[in-house]
Amino acid sequence: MRAFNDVRAADTADQLWLLEHPPVFTLGLAGRREHVLAAGDIPVVSTDRGGQVTYHAPGQAVAYVMLDLRRAGIGVKELVRRLEGAAIEVLAGCGVAGERRAGMPGVYVRGAKIAAVGLRVARGCTYHGIALNVDMDLAPFERIDPCGYPGLAATSLAREGAGDKIGYVTTSLGHRGDRWSGRSSPLNSSSSIATEAVQQLLGDAITRWLKTT
């Protein structure tokens, strides 16, 4: 991501990357080690995104957004709002009611966090993005203060009982936006069909929300 952003020019097309990570705790630029309570055998990696600590693992749909904010005509707060809106749209399609919380970026279901947003802006362009919990082991979230908030619970589509509703995506994946020059899904061999499907839905929703004026 950083390498792409470092060399992009004013006419470089924006890109959206869809992926999963192996198990890892990541610390943002504001991250404090004391918010990692018990890392155990899970690596802790410092990153250049905003925010505190979060957890990534297979079963989580991650979308990295390489967007020229000046060309898009929006600021970073509006981008965060649109990424949250895209995740809320995907959740609604799976029968789950997501919501924003004032002063706490991300998306929540009855107070538990289901999607985290973390961005970096350099030279007027963004990278990093949003992570949506689909069907993953949530126990490691108990080994950190998620996003710097002690006791903040985490949830997922699977925990919210949406597993049997994700099948509807097979009729939704025909929609593809032309906003991006590159869209990829480098899924590892343990990725579930459900996570791959939600990745594609999230990518489509982000494409639509970034076309909103």
Protein backbone atom coordinates (compact mmCIF):
# COMPACT_ATOMS: atom_id res chain seq x y z
CA MET A 1 0.00 0.00 0.00
CA ARG A 2 2.65 2.47 1.04
CA ALA A 3 4.75 1.70 -2.02
CA PHE A 4 1.74 2.23 -4.28
CA ASN A 5 0.97 5.56 -2.61
CA ASP A 6 4.58 6.72 -2.73
CA VAL A 7 4.81 6.42 -6.50
CA ARG A 8 1.28 7.33 -7.58
CA ALA A 9 0.83 10.44 -9.71
CA ALA A 10 -2.07 12.86 -10.12
CA ASP A 11 -3.57 10.69 -12.87
CA THR A 12 -3.02 7.32 -11.17
CA ALA A 13 -6.28 5.41 -10.89
CA ASP A 14 -7.53 4.61 -7.42
CA GLN A 15 -7.44 1.01 -6.22
CA LEU A 16 -9.40 -1.19 -3.83
CA TRP A 17 -7.73 -4.27 -2.35
CA LEU A 18 -9.83 -7.04 -0.77
CA LEU A 19 -8.02 -9.52 1.45
CA GLU A 20 -7.66 -11.42 4.71
CA HIS A 21 -4.75 -11.34 7.15
CA PRO A 22 -3.18 -14.12 9.19
CA PRO A 23 -3.68 -13.65 12.95
CA VAL A 24 -2.04 -10.37 14.01
CA PHE A 25 -2.53 -7.49 16.42
CA THR A 26 -1.80 -4.15 14.77
CA LEU A 27 -0.99 -0.89 16.53
CA GLY A 28 -1.86 2.41 14.86
CA LEU A 29 0.18 5.58 15.16
CA ALA A 30 -1.64 6.45 18.38
CA GLY A 31 -1.39 2.90 19.68
CA ARG A 32 -0.07 2.23 23.16
CA ARG A 33 1.46 -1.11 24.13
CA GLU A 34 -0.49 -1.19 27.39
CA HIS A 35 -3.63 -1.77 25.33
CA VAL A 36 -2.18 -5.16 24.33
CA LEU A 37 -3.06 -7.11 27.45
CA ALA A 38 -1.80 -10.59 26.55
CA ALA A 39 -0.50 -11.05 23.01
CA GLY A 40 0.62 -14.62 23.60
CA ASP A 41 1.72 -16.23 20.35
CA ILE A 42 -0.01 -13.64 18.14
CA PRO A 43 2.43 -11.11 16.63
CA VAL A 44 2.08 -7.42 17.44
CA VAL A 45 2.91 -5.17 14.46
CA SER A 46 3.20 -1.39 14.47
CA THR A 47 1.61 0.29 11.45
CA ASP A 48 1.28 3.81 10.06
CA ARG A 49 -2.54 3.92 10.10
CA GLY A 50 -4.50 6.05 12.51
CA GLY A 51 -6.04 4.68 15.67
CA GLN A 52 -5.09 2.28 18.43
CA VAL A 53 -4.90 -1.52 18.52
CA THR A 54 -7.06 -4.02 16.66
CA TYR A 55 -6.98 -7.68 15.64
CA HIS A 56 -6.97 -9.22 12.16
CA ALA A 57 -7.39 -12.90 11.26
CA PRO A 58 -8.89 -15.21 8.65
CA GLY A 59 -12.66 -14.89 8.59
CA GLN A 60 -12.47 -11.09 8.49
CA ALA A 61 -13.15 -9.16 5.28
CA VAL A 62 -10.57 -6.39 4.85
CA ALA A 63 -10.84 -3.62 2.23
CA TYR A 64 -7.90 -1.31 1.66
CA VAL A 65 -8.83 1.93 -0.11
CA MET A 66 -6.18 3.76 -2.16
CA LEU A 67 -8.10 6.94 -2.90
CA ASP A 68 -7.02 10.40 -4.10
CA LEU A 69 -9.07 12.57 -1.75
CA ARG A 70 -8.52 15.75 -3.75
CA ARG A 71 -9.77 14.16 -6.95
CA ALA A 72 -12.71 12.60 -5.10
CA GLY A 73 -13.55 15.98 -3.59
CA ILE A 74 -13.97 14.67 -0.03
CA GLY A 75 -12.06 14.83 3.25
CA VAL A 76 -10.93 11.98 5.47
CA LYS A 77 -13.89 12.32 7.87
CA GLU A 78 -16.29 11.96 4.95
CA LEU A 79 -14.37 8.93 3.71
CA VAL A 80 -14.69 7.32 7.14
CA ARG A 81 -18.44 8.03 7.06
CA ARG A 82 -18.78 6.41 3.64
CA LEU A 83 -16.77 3.33 4.62
CA GLU A 84 -18.99 2.94 7.67
CA GLY A 85 -22.03 3.38 5.45
CA ALA A 86 -20.82 0.66 3.11
CA ALA A 87 -20.37 -1.76 6.02
CA ILE A 88 -23.80 -0.89 7.45
CA GLU A 89 -25.30 -1.59 4.01
CA VAL A 90 -23.64 -5.02 3.85
CA LEU A 91 -24.81 -5.84 7.38
CA ALA A 92 -28.38 -4.82 6.55
CA GLY A 93 -28.35 -7.14 3.55
CA CYS A 94 -27.44 -9.96 5.93
CA GLY A 95 -30.24 -9.07 8.33
CA VAL A 96 -28.00 -7.35 10.91
CA ALA A 97 -28.61 -3.78 12.10
CA GLY A 98 -25.30 -1.92 12.30
CA GLU A 99 -24.86 1.59 13.63
CA ARG A 100 -22.29 4.32 14.16
CA ARG A 101 -21.24 5.61 17.60
CA ALA A 102 -20.36 9.26 18.11
CA GLY A 103 -16.63 9.79 18.52
CA MET A 104 -15.84 6.10 17.96
CA PRO A 105 -15.12 5.32 14.29
CA GLY A 106 -16.34 1.96 13.05
CA VAL A 107 -19.62 0.06 13.04
CA TYR A 108 -21.36 -1.50 16.04
CA VAL A 109 -24.15 -3.98 16.72
CA ARG A 110 -25.87 -3.42 20.07
CA GLY A 111 -22.68 -1.82 21.41
CA ALA A 112 -20.26 -4.51 20.17
CA LYS A 113 -17.81 -3.62 17.41
CA ILE A 114 -18.19 -5.50 14.14
CA ALA A 115 -16.14 -3.28 11.80
CA ALA A 116 -13.02 -1.19 12.42
CA VAL A 117 -11.79 1.73 10.30
CA GLY A 118 -8.18 2.91 10.19
CA LEU A 119 -6.66 5.15 7.54
CA ARG A 120 -3.43 6.85 6.59
CA VAL A 121 -3.39 10.00 4.46
CA ALA A 122 -0.17 10.93 2.67
CA ARG A 123 0.25 13.35 -0.23
CA GLY A 124 -3.52 13.81 -0.26
CA CYS A 125 -4.17 10.10 -0.82
CA THR A 126 -5.35 7.34 1.50
CA TYR A 127 -4.39 3.78 2.22
CA HIS A 128 -5.43 1.19 4.84
CA GLY A 129 -9.23 1.00 5.19
CA ILE A 130 -11.92 -1.09 6.91
CA ALA A 131 -12.13 -4.58 8.42
CA LEU A 132 -15.49 -6.36 8.85
CA ASN A 133 -15.77 -9.43 11.10
CA VAL A 134 -17.49 -12.23 9.20
CA ASP A 135 -16.80 -15.65 10.76
CA MET A 136 -13.64 -15.54 12.86
CA ASP A 137 -12.39 -16.52 16.29
CA LEU A 138 -13.28 -13.47 18.41
CA ALA A 139 -11.46 -14.63 21.55
CA PRO A 140 -8.23 -12.70 20.78
CA PHE A 141 -10.17 -9.42 21.00
CA GLU A 142 -10.37 -10.17 24.73
CA ARG A 143 -6.57 -10.00 24.88
CA ILE A 144 -6.54 -6.31 23.87
CA ASP A 145 -8.42 -3.10 24.57
CA PRO A 146 -10.01 -2.89 21.09
CA CYS A 147 -9.33 0.52 19.56
CA GLY A 148 -8.07 1.63 22.98
CA TYR A 149 -11.37 1.01 24.83
CA PRO A 150 -11.08 -1.39 27.79
CA GLY A 151 -13.89 -3.93 27.81
CA LEU A 152 -15.21 -3.11 24.33
CA ALA A 153 -16.86 -6.26 23.01
CA ALA A 154 -16.42 -7.58 19.47
CA THR A 155 -18.95 -9.41 17.36
CA SER A 156 -19.25 -10.89 13.87
CA LEU A 157 -21.85 -11.75 11.26
CA ALA A 158 -21.65 -15.37 12.38
CA ARG A 159 -22.21 -14.48 16.03
CA GLU A 160 -25.17 -12.33 15.01
CA GLY A 161 -26.77 -15.36 13.36
CA ALA A 162 -26.33 -14.17 9.78
CA GLY A 163 -24.62 -17.28 8.45
CA ASP A 164 -27.71 -18.69 6.76
CA LYS A 165 -28.51 -15.32 5.16
CA ILE A 166 -25.19 -14.76 3.42
CA GLY A 167 -26.35 -17.03 0.59
CA TYR A 168 -28.25 -14.11 -0.88
CA VAL A 169 -24.96 -12.67 -2.10
CA THR A 170 -24.80 -15.11 -4.97
CA THR A 171 -27.44 -13.00 -6.71
CA SER A 172 -25.74 -9.75 -5.74
CA LEU A 173 -22.25 -10.36 -7.05
CA GLY A 174 -23.17 -9.52 -10.63
CA HIS A 175 -22.94 -5.80 -9.75
CA ARG A 176 -19.51 -4.36 -10.36
CA GLY A 177 -18.55 -0.69 -10.25
CA ASP A 178 -15.98 0.80 -12.60
CA ARG A 179 -14.55 3.17 -9.96
CA TRP A 180 -11.34 1.23 -9.50
CA SER A 181 -8.46 0.24 -11.75
CA GLY A 182 -7.59 -2.73 -9.58
CA ARG A 183 -9.67 -5.01 -7.37
CA SER A 184 -8.16 -8.15 -5.99
CA SER A 185 -9.04 -10.88 -3.49
CA PRO A 186 -5.78 -12.59 -2.42
CA LEU A 187 -7.56 -15.14 -0.22
CA ASN A 188 -5.56 -17.74 1.66
CA SER A 189 -6.45 -21.41 1.47
CA SER A 190 -8.39 -21.36 4.77
CA SER A 191 -10.77 -18.61 3.68
CA SER A 192 -14.43 -19.52 3.93
CA ILE A 193 -16.89 -19.04 1.11
CA ALA A 194 -18.88 -16.74 3.40
CA THR A 195 -15.91 -14.44 3.98
CA GLU A 196 -15.09 -14.30 0.27
CA ALA A 197 -18.71 -13.46 -0.52
CA VAL A 198 -18.82 -10.68 2.08
CA GLN A 199 -15.51 -9.33 0.76
CA GLN A 200 -17.07 -8.92 -2.66
CA LEU A 201 -20.21 -7.35 -1.23
CA LEU A 202 -18.13 -4.93 0.83
CA GLY A 203 -16.08 -3.98 -2.22
CA ASP A 204 -19.23 -3.33 -4.22
CA ALA A 205 -20.76 -1.27 -1.40
CA ILE A 206 -17.62 0.84 -1.05
CA THR A 207 -17.64 1.45 -4.79
CA ARG A 208 -21.23 2.71 -4.61
CA TRP A 209 -20.67 4.86 -1.54
CA LEU A 210 -17.62 6.51 -3.10
CA LYS A 211 -19.69 7.43 -6.15
CA THR A 212 -22.14 9.26 -3.88
CA THR A 213 -21.99 13.02 -4.21
